[in-house]
């Protein structure tokens, strides 16, 4: 009797030779290891062949446009940074402490521990920066409290407004 092979399960050598070999890394013991990457959706997949030289040097830098009510700032950060790290950089630029900031991306407020690449932030994407309303109100009350304390000579007197 004669054996027949199904074409469905055979691979031709031309298909294998046209593809790049998967990216591998040699470990200390000389074994070949496959590189993996984590996609924004959370899926772990085999890393693609590196097409550009900038990615092989380490982290990819992206520019995030952070918009406030009146201004916008272009902030260069690593794509794997967290929103907390972005808040720290913004504190230097805007003067708002990280605890006073609320960052919104795609209509949702983001936690400090969330990574930019995991929620889908790409180069030139826009992030909205708002001042926390509770802290803003507390500052306003604190500012009024200071102005209501008046000193006459060395004795502080409080004015009471009804």
Protein backbone atom coordinates (compact mmCIF):
# COMPACT_ATOMS: atom_id res chain seq x y z
CA UNK A 1 0.00 0.00 0.00
CA UNK A 2 1.12 3.51 -0.72
CA UNK A 3 1.27 6.36 1.85
CA UNK A 4 -0.08 9.73 0.83
CA UNK A 5 0.93 12.92 2.60
CA UNK A 6 -1.51 15.71 3.13
CA UNK A 7 -0.35 19.06 1.74
CA UNK A 8 -2.04 20.80 4.59
CA UNK A 9 0.55 19.75 7.14
CA UNK A 10 3.67 20.03 4.98
CA UNK A 11 5.82 23.10 5.04
CA UNK A 12 7.76 24.05 2.02
CA UNK A 13 11.36 25.11 2.44
CA UNK A 14 10.74 28.34 0.50
CA UNK A 15 8.42 29.64 3.21
CA UNK A 16 10.94 28.97 5.92
CA UNK A 17 13.85 30.55 4.10
CA UNK A 18 12.02 33.79 3.28
CA UNK A 19 11.31 34.63 6.92
CA UNK A 20 13.85 36.13 9.25
CA UNK A 21 14.92 33.84 12.05
CA UNK A 22 13.33 34.74 15.39
CA UNK A 23 15.41 37.07 17.54
CA UNK A 24 17.48 35.06 19.98
CA UNK A 25 19.87 35.90 22.74
CA UNK A 26 22.73 33.81 23.98
CA UNK A 27 22.89 33.26 27.71
CA UNK A 28 26.06 32.72 29.73
CA UNK A 29 25.90 28.96 29.24
CA UNK A 30 25.72 29.36 25.45
CA UNK A 31 22.07 28.28 25.14
CA UNK A 32 19.83 30.11 22.71
CA UNK A 33 16.96 32.03 24.31
CA UNK A 34 13.99 33.56 22.52
CA UNK A 35 13.26 37.23 23.24
CA UNK A 36 9.72 38.08 24.34
CA UNK A 37 7.75 41.32 24.39
CA UNK A 38 4.61 42.40 26.19
CA UNK A 39 1.99 44.01 23.94
CA UNK A 40 -0.27 46.88 25.13
CA UNK A 41 -3.18 44.47 25.50
CA UNK A 42 -1.16 42.38 27.96
CA UNK A 43 -0.36 39.54 25.54
CA UNK A 44 3.12 38.03 25.77
CA UNK A 45 4.47 37.35 22.27
CA UNK A 46 7.76 36.47 20.62
CA UNK A 47 9.70 39.61 19.76
CA UNK A 48 9.80 40.54 16.09
CA UNK A 49 13.02 41.02 14.17
CA UNK A 50 14.50 44.43 14.90
CA UNK A 51 14.10 46.68 11.91
CA UNK A 52 15.52 49.90 13.33
CA UNK A 53 18.76 50.45 15.17
CA UNK A 54 17.25 52.78 17.78
CA UNK A 55 15.25 50.00 19.42
CA UNK A 56 18.25 47.76 19.90
CA UNK A 57 20.03 50.29 22.13
CA UNK A 58 17.46 50.01 24.93
CA UNK A 59 14.27 51.84 25.75
CA UNK A 60 12.30 53.70 23.10
CA UNK A 61 11.83 57.40 23.79
CA UNK A 62 8.44 58.89 22.96
CA UNK A 63 7.13 62.44 23.16
CA UNK A 64 3.90 62.87 25.10
CA UNK A 65 1.94 66.09 24.65
CA UNK A 66 0.54 67.05 28.04
CA UNK A 67 -2.27 69.57 27.84
CA UNK A 68 -3.50 71.72 30.72
CA UNK A 69 -6.38 74.17 30.59
CA UNK A 70 -4.24 77.01 29.25
CA UNK A 71 -0.98 75.45 27.97
CA UNK A 72 0.56 72.30 26.55
CA UNK A 73 3.99 70.75 27.06
CA UNK A 74 5.85 68.20 24.92
CA UNK A 75 7.54 65.82 27.37
CA UNK A 76 10.07 63.21 26.16
CA UNK A 77 9.83 60.00 28.25
CA UNK A 78 10.61 56.31 27.83
CA UNK A 79 7.71 54.29 26.48
CA UNK A 80 7.87 51.93 29.48
CA UNK A 81 7.58 54.75 32.05
CA UNK A 82 4.70 54.90 34.48
CA UNK A 83 2.20 57.72 34.88
CA UNK A 84 3.79 58.39 38.29
CA UNK A 85 7.16 59.01 36.62
CA UNK A 86 5.45 61.30 34.11
CA UNK A 87 3.89 63.23 37.02
CA UNK A 88 7.35 63.67 38.55
CA UNK A 89 8.66 65.19 35.31
CA UNK A 90 5.57 67.39 35.04
CA UNK A 91 6.12 68.65 38.59
CA UNK A 92 9.37 70.24 37.40
CA UNK A 93 7.66 71.83 34.39
CA UNK A 94 4.33 72.98 35.86
CA UNK A 95 5.10 73.51 39.56
CA UNK A 96 2.25 71.21 40.64
CA UNK A 97 3.30 68.44 43.01
CA UNK A 98 2.62 64.87 41.77
CA UNK A 99 -0.08 64.44 44.42
CA UNK A 100 -1.90 67.50 43.08
CA UNK A 101 -1.98 66.19 39.50
CA UNK A 102 -4.59 64.06 37.76
CA UNK A 103 -3.61 62.59 34.37
CA UNK A 104 -6.29 61.50 31.92
CA UNK A 105 -5.67 59.39 28.80
CA UNK A 106 -8.47 58.23 26.51
CA UNK A 107 -11.03 59.75 28.87
CA UNK A 108 -9.93 57.82 31.97
CA UNK A 109 -7.89 58.92 34.95
CA UNK A 110 -4.75 56.79 35.13
CA UNK A 111 -3.12 55.41 38.27
CA UNK A 112 0.51 56.22 39.07
CA UNK A 113 1.52 52.57 38.74
CA UNK A 114 0.14 52.12 35.21
CA UNK A 115 2.73 51.94 32.42
CA UNK A 116 2.37 54.19 29.39
CA UNK A 117 2.89 51.40 26.84
CA UNK A 118 0.42 49.09 28.61
CA UNK A 119 -2.50 51.51 28.18
CA UNK A 120 -1.52 52.32 24.58
CA UNK A 121 0.29 55.66 24.83
CA UNK A 122 2.35 56.14 21.67
CA UNK A 123 4.59 58.87 20.29
CA UNK A 124 2.84 62.29 19.99
CA UNK A 125 -0.24 61.13 21.97
CA UNK A 126 -2.09 63.68 24.11
CA UNK A 127 -2.52 63.34 27.89
CA UNK A 128 -4.73 65.76 29.81
CA UNK A 129 -3.38 67.23 33.07
CA UNK A 130 -5.86 68.51 35.64
CA UNK A 131 -5.27 69.87 39.12
CA UNK A 132 -6.97 67.77 41.79
CA UNK A 133 -10.12 69.72 42.76
CA UNK A 134 -9.96 68.70 46.44
CA UNK A 135 -6.42 70.02 46.80
CA UNK A 136 -7.31 73.12 44.79
CA UNK A 137 -10.18 73.83 47.23
CA UNK A 138 -7.91 73.20 50.21
CA UNK A 139 -5.37 75.69 48.82
CA UNK A 140 -8.12 78.24 48.36
CA UNK A 141 -9.32 77.80 51.96
CA UNK A 142 -5.76 77.88 53.27
CA UNK A 143 -5.09 81.09 51.31
CA UNK A 144 -8.21 82.74 52.79
CA UNK A 145 -7.22 81.60 56.28
CA UNK A 146 -3.83 83.31 56.00
CA UNK A 147 -5.34 86.55 54.72
CA UNK A 148 -7.95 86.58 57.52
CA UNK A 149 -5.21 86.51 60.16
CA UNK A 150 -4.11 90.07 60.67
CA UNK A 151 -1.46 91.32 63.01
CA UNK A 152 -1.63 94.57 64.87
CA UNK A 153 1.71 95.13 66.53
CA UNK A 154 2.91 91.80 67.89
CA UNK A 155 -0.56 90.41 68.68
CA UNK A 156 -2.40 88.40 66.03
CA UNK A 157 -6.12 89.14 65.76
CA UNK A 158 -8.58 87.05 63.83
CA UNK A 159 -11.40 88.60 61.94
CA UNK A 160 -14.58 86.63 61.87
CA UNK A 161 -16.73 86.91 58.80
CA UNK A 162 -20.35 85.84 59.05
